[in-house]
Amino acid sequence: MHLWQTLTMVHLGPLPLHLDPHVLMGATFGGFHLVAGIYLYFTEKREPTP
């Protein structure tokens, strides 16, 4: 038994990359940040440069 399995007491078996919880969390967390950044880029008022 691997150390990770021993510490978590959960073994999901080998998962495809798109079902891996770490990949899903990173993709959604990063995706939401990108969407928020794009939204702010287009909605924030900018000072005109002289």
PDB file of N, CA and C in Angstrom:
ATOM      1  N   MET A   1       0.850  -1.173   0.000  1.00  0.00           N
ATOM      2  CA  MET A   1       0.000   0.000   0.000  1.00  0.00           C
ATOM      3  C   MET A   1       0.898   1.239   0.000  1.00  0.00           C
ATOM      4  N   HIS A   2       0.545   2.203  -0.829  1.00  0.00           N
ATOM      5  CA  HIS A   2       1.318   3.437  -0.919  1.00  0.00           C
ATOM      6  C   HIS A   2       1.024   4.351   0.268  1.00  0.00           C
ATOM      7  N   LEU A   3       1.950   5.245   0.549  1.00  0.00           N
ATOM      8  CA  LEU A   3       1.799   6.164   1.671  1.00  0.00           C
ATOM      9  C   LEU A   3       0.552   7.027   1.507  1.00  0.00           C
ATOM     10  N   TRP A   4       0.309   7.522   0.289  1.00  0.00           N
ATOM     11  CA  TRP A   4      -0.858   8.379   0.061  1.00  0.00           C
ATOM     12  C   TRP A   4      -2.147   7.622   0.378  1.00  0.00           C
ATOM     13  N   GLN A   5      -2.243   6.372  -0.041  1.00  0.00           N
ATOM     14  CA  GLN A   5      -3.435   5.573   0.239  1.00  0.00           C
ATOM     15  C   GLN A   5      -3.586   5.335   1.737  1.00  0.00           C
ATOM     16  N   THR A   6      -2.482   5.157   2.406  1.00  0.00           N
ATOM     17  CA  THR A   6      -2.522   4.921   3.843  1.00  0.00           C
ATOM     18  C   THR A   6      -2.996   6.168   4.577  1.00  0.00           C
ATOM     19  N   LEU A   7      -2.508   7.329   4.177  1.00  0.00           N
ATOM     20  CA  LEU A   7      -2.868   8.568   4.869  1.00  0.00           C
ATOM     21  C   LEU A   7      -4.306   8.976   4.609  1.00  0.00           C
ATOM     22  N   THR A   8      -4.797   8.775   3.409  1.00  0.00           N
ATOM     23  CA  THR A   8      -6.149   9.229   3.081  1.00  0.00           C
ATOM     24  C   THR A   8      -7.203   8.157   3.277  1.00  0.00           C
ATOM     25  N   MET A   9      -6.812   6.907   3.283  1.00  0.00           N
ATOM     26  CA  MET A   9      -7.720   5.780   3.418  1.00  0.00           C
ATOM     27  C   MET A   9      -8.730   5.719   2.269  1.00  0.00           C
ATOM     28  N   VAL A  10      -8.402   6.344   1.158  1.00  0.00           N
ATOM     29  CA  VAL A  10      -9.260   6.336  -0.023  1.00  0.00           C
ATOM     30  C   VAL A  10      -8.407   5.960  -1.213  1.00  0.00           C
ATOM     31  N   HIS A  11      -8.883   5.036  -2.001  1.00  0.00           N
ATOM     32  CA  HIS A  11      -8.174   4.687  -3.230  1.00  0.00           C
ATOM     33  C   HIS A  11      -9.191   4.660  -4.354  1.00  0.00           C
ATOM     34  N   LEU A  12      -9.082   5.618  -5.264  1.00  0.00           N
ATOM     35  CA  LEU A  12     -10.021   5.703  -6.371  1.00  0.00           C
ATOM     36  C   LEU A  12      -9.564   4.899  -7.569  1.00  0.00           C
ATOM     37  N   GLY A  13      -8.347   4.427  -7.537  1.00  0.00           N
ATOM     38  CA  GLY A  13      -7.816   3.712  -8.688  1.00  0.00           C
ATOM     39  C   GLY A  13      -7.298   4.704  -9.715  1.00  0.00           C
ATOM     40  N   PRO A  14      -6.723   4.185 -10.779  1.00  0.00           N
ATOM     41  CA  PRO A  14      -6.206   5.099 -11.804  1.00  0.00           C
ATOM     42  C   PRO A  14      -7.364   5.802 -12.524  1.00  0.00           C
ATOM     43  N   LEU A  15      -7.318   7.112 -12.531  1.00  0.00           N
ATOM     44  CA  LEU A  15      -8.359   7.897 -13.172  1.00  0.00           C
ATOM     45  C   LEU A  15      -7.827   8.522 -14.452  1.00  0.00           C
ATOM     46  N   PRO A  16      -8.671   8.678 -15.458  1.00  0.00           N
ATOM     47  CA  PRO A  16      -8.244   9.443 -16.625  1.00  0.00           C
ATOM     48  C   PRO A  16      -7.935  10.876 -16.198  1.00  0.00           C
ATOM     49  N   LEU A  17      -7.112  11.561 -16.964  1.00  0.00           N
ATOM     50  CA  LEU A  17      -6.652  12.900 -16.587  1.00  0.00           C
ATOM     51  C   LEU A  17      -7.820  13.853 -16.366  1.00  0.00           C
ATOM     52  N   HIS A  18      -8.858  13.796 -17.192  1.00  0.00           N
ATOM     53  CA  HIS A  18      -9.964  14.742 -17.052  1.00  0.00           C
ATOM     54  C   HIS A  18     -10.859  14.438 -15.848  1.00  0.00           C
ATOM     55  N   LEU A  19     -10.674  13.309 -15.182  1.00  0.00           N
ATOM     56  CA  LEU A  19     -11.437  12.999 -13.981  1.00  0.00           C
ATOM     57  C   LEU A  19     -10.602  13.106 -12.711  1.00  0.00           C
ATOM     58  N   ASP A  20      -9.334  13.407 -12.840  1.00  0.00           N
ATOM     59  CA  ASP A  20      -8.475  13.534 -11.667  1.00  0.00           C
ATOM     60  C   ASP A  20      -8.917  14.757 -10.864  1.00  0.00           C
ATOM     61  N   PRO A  21      -9.185  14.614  -9.581  1.00  0.00           N
ATOM     62  CA  PRO A  21      -9.689  15.739  -8.783  1.00  0.00           C
ATOM     63  C   PRO A  21      -8.765  16.953  -8.789  1.00  0.00           C
ATOM     64  N   HIS A  22      -7.466  16.733  -8.795  1.00  0.00           N
ATOM     65  CA  HIS A  22      -6.531  17.856  -8.788  1.00  0.00           C
ATOM     66  C   HIS A  22      -6.599  18.623 -10.101  1.00  0.00           C
ATOM     67  N   VAL A  23      -6.722  17.905 -11.215  1.00  0.00           N
ATOM     68  CA  VAL A  23      -6.827  18.557 -12.516  1.00  0.00           C
ATOM     69  C   VAL A  23      -8.149  19.317 -12.617  1.00  0.00           C
ATOM     70  N   LEU A  24      -9.237  18.699 -12.148  1.00  0.00           N
ATOM     71  CA  LEU A  24     -10.529  19.384 -12.188  1.00  0.00           C
ATOM     72  C   LEU A  24     -10.514  20.656 -11.345  1.00  0.00           C
ATOM     73  N   MET A  25      -9.951  20.584 -10.151  1.00  0.00           N
ATOM     74  CA  MET A  25      -9.893  21.763  -9.293  1.00  0.00           C
ATOM     75  C   MET A  25      -9.033  22.851  -9.919  1.00  0.00           C
ATOM     76  N   GLY A  26      -7.874  22.472 -10.440  1.00  0.00           N
ATOM     77  CA  GLY A  26      -6.999  23.454 -11.064  1.00  0.00           C
ATOM     78  C   GLY A  26      -7.627  24.098 -12.287  1.00  0.00           C
ATOM     79  N   ALA A  27      -8.313  23.295 -13.096  1.00  0.00           N
ATOM     80  CA  ALA A  27      -8.930  23.835 -14.305  1.00  0.00           C
ATOM     81  C   ALA A  27     -10.081  24.783 -13.968  1.00  0.00           C
ATOM     82  N   THR A  28     -10.921  24.405 -13.009  1.00  0.00           N
ATOM     83  CA  THR A  28     -12.037  25.286 -12.669  1.00  0.00           C
ATOM     84  C   THR A  28     -11.549  26.532 -11.936  1.00  0.00           C
ATOM     85  N   PHE A  29     -10.637  26.366 -10.994  1.00  0.00           N
ATOM     86  CA  PHE A  29     -10.117  27.510 -10.247  1.00  0.00           C
ATOM     87  C   PHE A  29      -9.398  28.474 -11.189  1.00  0.00           C
ATOM     88  N   GLY A  30      -8.523  27.939 -12.037  1.00  0.00           N
ATOM     89  CA  GLY A  30      -7.812  28.773 -12.995  1.00  0.00           C
ATOM     90  C   GLY A  30      -8.739  29.366 -14.036  1.00  0.00           C
ATOM     91  N   GLY A  31      -9.714  28.584 -14.477  1.00  0.00           N
ATOM     92  CA  GLY A  31     -10.667  29.071 -15.474  1.00  0.00           C
ATOM     93  C   GLY A  31     -11.494  30.229 -14.944  1.00  0.00           C
ATOM     94  N   PHE A  32     -11.962  30.115 -13.708  1.00  0.00           N
ATOM     95  CA  PHE A  32     -12.738  31.205 -13.118  1.00  0.00           C
ATOM     96  C   PHE A  32     -11.885  32.459 -12.953  1.00  0.00           C
ATOM     97  N   HIS A  33     -10.620  32.299 -12.625  1.00  0.00           N
ATOM     98  CA  HIS A  33      -9.743  33.459 -12.508  1.00  0.00           C
ATOM     99  C   HIS A  33      -9.526  34.120 -13.863  1.00  0.00           C
ATOM    100  N   LEU A  34      -9.363  33.322 -14.904  1.00  0.00           N
ATOM    101  CA  LEU A  34      -9.217  33.892 -16.240  1.00  0.00           C
ATOM    102  C   LEU A  34     -10.475  34.636 -16.670  1.00  0.00           C
ATOM    103  N   VAL A  35     -11.633  34.067 -16.409  1.00  0.00           N
ATOM    104  CA  VAL A  35     -12.893  34.732 -16.754  1.00  0.00           C
ATOM    105  C   VAL A  35     -13.023  36.039 -15.982  1.00  0.00           C
ATOM    106  N   ALA A  36     -12.702  36.033 -14.697  1.00  0.00           N
ATOM    107  CA  ALA A  36     -12.785  37.252 -13.894  1.00  0.00           C
ATOM    108  C   ALA A  36     -11.801  38.305 -14.396  1.00  0.00           C
ATOM    109  N   GLY A  37     -10.608  37.883 -14.772  1.00  0.00           N
ATOM    110  CA  GLY A  37      -9.622  38.822 -15.304  1.00  0.00           C
ATOM    111  C   GLY A  37     -10.059  39.441 -16.617  1.00  0.00           C
ATOM    112  N   ILE A  38     -10.624  38.640 -17.494  1.00  0.00           N
ATOM    113  CA  ILE A  38     -11.121  39.157 -18.776  1.00  0.00           C
ATOM    114  C   ILE A  38     -12.275  40.126 -18.537  1.00  0.00           C
ATOM    115  N   TYR A  39     -13.172  39.772 -17.626  1.00  0.00           N
ATOM    116  CA  TYR A  39     -14.281  40.663 -17.282  1.00  0.00           C
ATOM    117  C   TYR A  39     -13.762  42.005 -16.773  1.00  0.00           C
ATOM    118  N   LEU A  40     -12.811  41.963 -15.843  1.00  0.00           N
ATOM    119  CA  LEU A  40     -12.268  43.205 -15.292  1.00  0.00           C
ATOM    120  C   LEU A  40     -11.507  44.009 -16.342  1.00  0.00           C
ATOM    121  N   TYR A  41     -10.835  43.338 -17.250  1.00  0.00           N
ATOM    122  CA  TYR A  41     -10.092  44.030 -18.298  1.00  0.00           C
ATOM    123  C   TYR A  41     -11.026  44.899 -19.142  1.00  0.00           C
ATOM    124  N   PHE A  42     -12.199  44.378 -19.427  1.00  0.00           N
ATOM    125  CA  PHE A  42     -13.125  45.117 -20.284  1.00  0.00           C
ATOM    126  C   PHE A  42     -14.054  46.062 -19.526  1.00  0.00           C
ATOM    127  N   THR A  43     -14.210  45.902 -18.228  1.00  0.00           N
ATOM    128  CA  THR A  43     -15.159  46.734 -17.492  1.00  0.00           C
ATOM    129  C   THR A  43     -14.513  47.807 -16.621  1.00  0.00           C
ATOM    130  N   GLU A  44     -13.261  47.675 -16.260  1.00  0.00           N
ATOM    131  CA  GLU A  44     -12.614  48.678 -15.419  1.00  0.00           C
ATOM    132  C   GLU A  44     -12.316  49.931 -16.225  1.00  0.00           C
ATOM    133  N   LYS A  45     -12.560  51.076 -15.599  1.00  0.00           N
ATOM    134  CA  LYS A  45     -12.249  52.348 -16.257  1.00  0.00           C
ATOM    135  C   LYS A  45     -10.746  52.612 -16.117  1.00  0.00           C
ATOM    136  N   ARG A  46     -10.152  53.101 -17.209  1.00  0.00           N
ATOM    137  CA  ARG A  46      -8.719  53.391 -17.206  1.00  0.00           C
ATOM    138  C   ARG A  46      -8.487  54.890 -17.300  1.00  0.00           C
ATOM    139  N   GLU A  47      -7.433  55.349 -16.683  1.00  0.00           N
ATOM    140  CA  GLU A  47      -7.038  56.747 -16.801  1.00  0.00           C
ATOM    141  C   GLU A  47      -6.427  56.950 -18.191  1.00  0.00           C
ATOM    142  N   PRO A  48      -6.818  58.015 -18.870  1.00  0.00           N
ATOM    143  CA  PRO A  48      -6.208  58.265 -20.180  1.00  0.00           C
ATOM    144  C   PRO A  48      -4.724  58.616 -20.030  1.00  0.00           C
ATOM    145  N   THR A  49      -3.911  58.087 -20.894  1.00  0.00           N
ATOM    146  CA  THR A  49      -2.465  58.392 -20.830  1.00  0.00           C
ATOM    147  C   THR A  49      -2.217  59.694 -21.576  1.00  0.00           C
ATOM    148  N   PRO A  50      -1.383  60.561 -20.985  1.00  0.00           N
ATOM    149  CA  PRO A  50      -1.114  61.862 -21.632  1.00  0.00           C
ATOM    150  C   PRO A  50      -0.285  61.754 -22.888  1.00  0.00           C
TER     151      PRO A  50
END
